[in-house]
């Protein structure tokens, strides 16, 4: 398993968040969405220009822009196609 930036995860790739490297209002907003260390996520879809990205988190779906995803580091699993 490797630690990568959320922006670079592939569709259907799963992983566990290991760090959220932003503070202030954006950091609070990301954490309020449930994106905290230890949370399992799956990349479900990307828009045609790869921004935003749709994630499956705790049984729900949410979207993040790449500039928000840049602050999240994920320990990844191999891509399931």
N, C-alpha and C. Protein backbone atom coordinates (compact mmCIF):
# COMPACT_ATOMS: atom_id res chain seq x y z
N UNK A 1 0.84 -1.19 0.00
CA UNK A 1 0.00 0.00 0.00
C UNK A 1 0.88 1.24 0.00
N UNK A 2 0.39 2.26 -0.66
CA UNK A 2 1.14 3.50 -0.77
C UNK A 2 0.30 4.66 -0.22
N UNK A 3 0.98 5.71 0.20
CA UNK A 3 0.29 6.91 0.64
C UNK A 3 0.35 7.92 -0.50
N UNK A 4 -0.83 8.34 -0.96
CA UNK A 4 -0.93 9.27 -2.09
C UNK A 4 -1.88 10.40 -1.74
N UNK A 5 -1.79 11.44 -2.53
CA UNK A 5 -2.72 12.55 -2.42
C UNK A 5 -4.05 12.12 -3.02
N UNK A 6 -5.16 12.47 -2.40
CA UNK A 6 -6.49 12.08 -2.88
C UNK A 6 -6.72 12.47 -4.34
N UNK A 7 -6.16 13.57 -4.78
CA UNK A 7 -6.32 14.02 -6.16
C UNK A 7 -5.88 12.95 -7.16
N UNK A 8 -4.90 12.13 -6.81
CA UNK A 8 -4.31 11.18 -7.75
C UNK A 8 -4.87 9.76 -7.66
N UNK A 9 -5.90 9.56 -6.86
CA UNK A 9 -6.52 8.24 -6.78
C UNK A 9 -7.37 7.98 -8.02
N UNK A 10 -7.42 6.71 -8.44
CA UNK A 10 -8.20 6.32 -9.60
C UNK A 10 -9.64 5.98 -9.24
N UNK A 11 -10.49 5.91 -10.25
CA UNK A 11 -11.88 5.53 -10.05
C UNK A 11 -11.94 4.11 -9.51
N UNK A 12 -12.79 3.88 -8.53
CA UNK A 12 -12.98 2.62 -7.81
C UNK A 12 -11.81 2.26 -6.89
N UNK A 13 -10.85 3.16 -6.74
CA UNK A 13 -9.76 2.90 -5.82
C UNK A 13 -10.21 3.22 -4.40
N UNK A 14 -9.82 2.35 -3.48
CA UNK A 14 -10.21 2.50 -2.07
C UNK A 14 -8.98 2.85 -1.24
N UNK A 15 -9.24 3.45 -0.10
CA UNK A 15 -8.14 3.76 0.80
C UNK A 15 -8.65 4.29 2.12
N UNK A 16 -7.69 4.55 3.00
CA UNK A 16 -7.99 5.07 4.33
C UNK A 16 -7.25 6.39 4.49
N UNK A 17 -7.96 7.41 4.93
CA UNK A 17 -7.35 8.73 5.13
C UNK A 17 -6.33 8.62 6.26
N UNK A 18 -5.13 9.13 6.01
CA UNK A 18 -4.09 9.13 7.04
C UNK A 18 -3.80 10.53 7.56
N UNK A 19 -4.10 11.58 6.77
CA UNK A 19 -3.85 12.94 7.22
C UNK A 19 -4.68 13.94 6.44
N UNK A 20 -5.09 15.00 7.13
CA UNK A 20 -5.72 16.16 6.51
C UNK A 20 -4.80 17.32 6.84
N UNK A 21 -4.10 17.83 5.83
CA UNK A 21 -3.03 18.79 6.06
C UNK A 21 -3.45 20.22 5.74
N UNK A 22 -4.51 20.65 6.38
CA UNK A 22 -4.96 22.04 6.25
C UNK A 22 -5.68 22.42 7.53
N UNK A 23 -5.56 23.68 7.90
CA UNK A 23 -6.25 24.15 9.10
C UNK A 23 -7.21 25.26 8.68
N UNK A 24 -7.71 25.97 9.64
CA UNK A 24 -8.62 27.08 9.35
C UNK A 24 -9.98 26.61 8.88
N UNK A 25 -10.67 27.49 8.18
CA UNK A 25 -12.03 27.22 7.73
C UNK A 25 -12.12 26.01 6.80
N UNK A 26 -11.19 25.90 5.86
CA UNK A 26 -11.22 24.76 4.94
C UNK A 26 -10.98 23.45 5.67
N UNK A 27 -10.02 23.43 6.58
CA UNK A 27 -9.76 22.23 7.36
C UNK A 27 -10.97 21.81 8.19
N UNK A 28 -11.63 22.79 8.79
CA UNK A 28 -12.83 22.51 9.59
C UNK A 28 -13.92 21.93 8.70
N UNK A 29 -14.11 22.52 7.53
CA UNK A 29 -15.16 22.06 6.60
C UNK A 29 -14.89 20.63 6.14
N UNK A 30 -13.65 20.33 5.80
CA UNK A 30 -13.30 18.98 5.36
C UNK A 30 -13.57 17.98 6.48
N UNK A 31 -13.17 18.32 7.69
CA UNK A 31 -13.37 17.40 8.82
C UNK A 31 -14.85 17.23 9.16
N UNK A 32 -15.64 18.29 9.01
CA UNK A 32 -17.08 18.20 9.27
C UNK A 32 -17.78 17.27 8.28
N UNK A 33 -17.21 17.11 7.10
CA UNK A 33 -17.78 16.19 6.12
C UNK A 33 -17.46 14.74 6.45
N UNK A 34 -16.69 14.52 7.51
CA UNK A 34 -16.33 13.16 7.92
C UNK A 34 -15.00 12.69 7.36
N UNK A 35 -14.27 13.57 6.71
CA UNK A 35 -12.98 13.21 6.13
C UNK A 35 -11.89 13.44 7.17
N UNK A 36 -11.75 12.47 8.06
CA UNK A 36 -10.77 12.52 9.14
C UNK A 36 -9.89 11.28 9.07
N UNK A 37 -8.70 11.33 9.66
CA UNK A 37 -7.83 10.15 9.65
C UNK A 37 -8.55 8.91 10.17
N UNK A 38 -8.36 7.80 9.46
CA UNK A 38 -8.99 6.53 9.81
C UNK A 38 -10.26 6.24 9.02
N UNK A 39 -10.78 7.22 8.30
CA UNK A 39 -11.99 7.05 7.51
C UNK A 39 -11.68 6.35 6.20
N UNK A 40 -12.46 5.32 5.88
CA UNK A 40 -12.30 4.62 4.61
C UNK A 40 -13.10 5.34 3.53
N UNK A 41 -12.48 5.50 2.36
CA UNK A 41 -13.14 6.17 1.23
C UNK A 41 -12.94 5.34 -0.04
N UNK A 42 -13.83 5.58 -1.00
CA UNK A 42 -13.71 5.00 -2.34
C UNK A 42 -14.00 6.10 -3.35
N UNK A 43 -13.13 6.26 -4.33
CA UNK A 43 -13.37 7.22 -5.41
C UNK A 43 -14.38 6.58 -6.35
N UNK A 44 -15.54 7.20 -6.52
CA UNK A 44 -16.60 6.64 -7.35
C UNK A 44 -16.64 7.20 -8.76
N UNK A 45 -16.38 8.50 -8.91
CA UNK A 45 -16.52 9.13 -10.22
C UNK A 45 -15.69 10.39 -10.26
N UNK A 46 -15.40 10.82 -11.47
CA UNK A 46 -14.76 12.12 -11.69
C UNK A 46 -15.50 12.82 -12.82
N UNK A 47 -15.57 14.13 -12.73
CA UNK A 47 -16.18 14.92 -13.80
C UNK A 47 -15.28 14.84 -15.05
N UNK A 48 -15.78 15.23 -16.20
CA UNK A 48 -15.00 15.10 -17.44
C UNK A 48 -13.60 15.71 -17.39
N UNK A 49 -13.40 16.79 -16.68
CA UNK A 49 -12.07 17.39 -16.56
C UNK A 49 -11.40 17.01 -15.24
N UNK A 50 -11.86 15.90 -14.64
CA UNK A 50 -11.34 15.36 -13.37
C UNK A 50 -11.60 16.23 -12.15
N UNK A 51 -12.47 17.22 -12.25
CA UNK A 51 -12.75 18.08 -11.12
C UNK A 51 -14.23 18.47 -11.17
N UNK A 52 -15.03 18.14 -10.20
CA UNK A 52 -14.71 17.54 -8.90
C UNK A 52 -14.65 16.01 -8.95
N UNK A 53 -14.38 15.44 -7.79
CA UNK A 53 -14.31 13.99 -7.62
C UNK A 53 -15.43 13.58 -6.66
N UNK A 54 -16.12 12.48 -6.96
CA UNK A 54 -17.18 11.95 -6.10
C UNK A 54 -16.61 10.83 -5.25
N UNK A 55 -16.84 10.90 -3.95
CA UNK A 55 -16.32 9.91 -3.00
C UNK A 55 -17.45 9.20 -2.29
N UNK A 56 -17.23 7.94 -1.99
CA UNK A 56 -18.15 7.17 -1.14
C UNK A 56 -17.53 7.16 0.25
N UNK A 57 -18.25 7.73 1.22
CA UNK A 57 -17.75 7.87 2.59
C UNK A 57 -18.86 7.50 3.56
N UNK A 58 -18.62 6.53 4.40
CA UNK A 58 -19.57 6.13 5.45
C UNK A 58 -20.99 5.94 4.91
N UNK A 59 -21.11 5.28 3.77
CA UNK A 59 -22.41 4.98 3.21
C UNK A 59 -23.05 6.10 2.42
N UNK A 60 -22.40 7.25 2.34
CA UNK A 60 -22.93 8.38 1.58
C UNK A 60 -21.96 8.78 0.49
N UNK A 61 -22.41 9.69 -0.35
CA UNK A 61 -21.57 10.19 -1.43
C UNK A 61 -21.38 11.69 -1.25
N UNK A 62 -20.15 12.15 -1.44
CA UNK A 62 -19.89 13.59 -1.41
C UNK A 62 -18.89 13.92 -2.49
N UNK A 63 -18.83 15.19 -2.86
CA UNK A 63 -17.90 15.62 -3.89
C UNK A 63 -16.92 16.63 -3.31
N UNK A 64 -15.71 16.58 -3.84
CA UNK A 64 -14.67 17.52 -3.46
C UNK A 64 -14.02 18.07 -4.72
N UNK A 65 -13.64 19.31 -4.68
CA UNK A 65 -12.83 19.89 -5.75
C UNK A 65 -11.38 19.43 -5.54
N UNK A 66 -10.62 19.43 -6.60
CA UNK A 66 -9.23 19.00 -6.50
C UNK A 66 -8.42 19.88 -5.56
N UNK A 67 -8.72 21.19 -5.51
CA UNK A 67 -7.97 22.05 -4.60
C UNK A 67 -8.26 21.70 -3.14
N UNK A 68 -9.38 21.06 -2.85
CA UNK A 68 -9.67 20.57 -1.50
C UNK A 68 -9.03 19.20 -1.30
N UNK A 69 -9.09 18.35 -2.31
CA UNK A 69 -8.52 17.01 -2.24
C UNK A 69 -7.00 17.05 -2.08
N UNK A 70 -6.37 18.14 -2.50
CA UNK A 70 -4.91 18.26 -2.39
C UNK A 70 -4.42 18.17 -0.95
N UNK A 71 -5.25 18.48 0.00
CA UNK A 71 -4.84 18.50 1.41
C UNK A 71 -5.03 17.15 2.11
N UNK A 72 -5.57 16.15 1.40
CA UNK A 72 -5.90 14.87 2.04
C UNK A 72 -4.96 13.79 1.54
N UNK A 73 -4.28 13.13 2.48
CA UNK A 73 -3.40 12.01 2.15
C UNK A 73 -4.10 10.70 2.51
N UNK A 74 -3.98 9.73 1.59
CA UNK A 74 -4.72 8.47 1.72
C UNK A 74 -3.77 7.29 1.54
N UNK A 75 -3.89 6.29 2.41
CA UNK A 75 -3.19 5.03 2.22
C UNK A 75 -4.08 4.19 1.31
N UNK A 76 -3.60 3.89 0.13
CA UNK A 76 -4.44 3.29 -0.91
C UNK A 76 -4.32 1.78 -0.99
N UNK A 77 -5.37 1.19 -1.58
CA UNK A 77 -5.41 -0.21 -1.93
C UNK A 77 -5.32 -0.28 -3.44
N UNK A 78 -4.96 -1.43 -4.03
CA UNK A 78 -4.92 -1.54 -5.50
C UNK A 78 -6.28 -1.24 -6.12
N UNK A 79 -6.28 -0.74 -7.34
CA UNK A 79 -7.52 -0.39 -8.06
C UNK A 79 -8.24 -1.67 -8.46
N UNK A 80 -9.57 -1.72 -8.20
CA UNK A 80 -10.44 -2.81 -8.66
C UNK A 80 -11.17 -2.34 -9.89
N UNK A 81 -10.98 -3.00 -11.02
CA UNK A 81 -11.64 -2.55 -12.25
C UNK A 81 -12.85 -3.39 -12.55
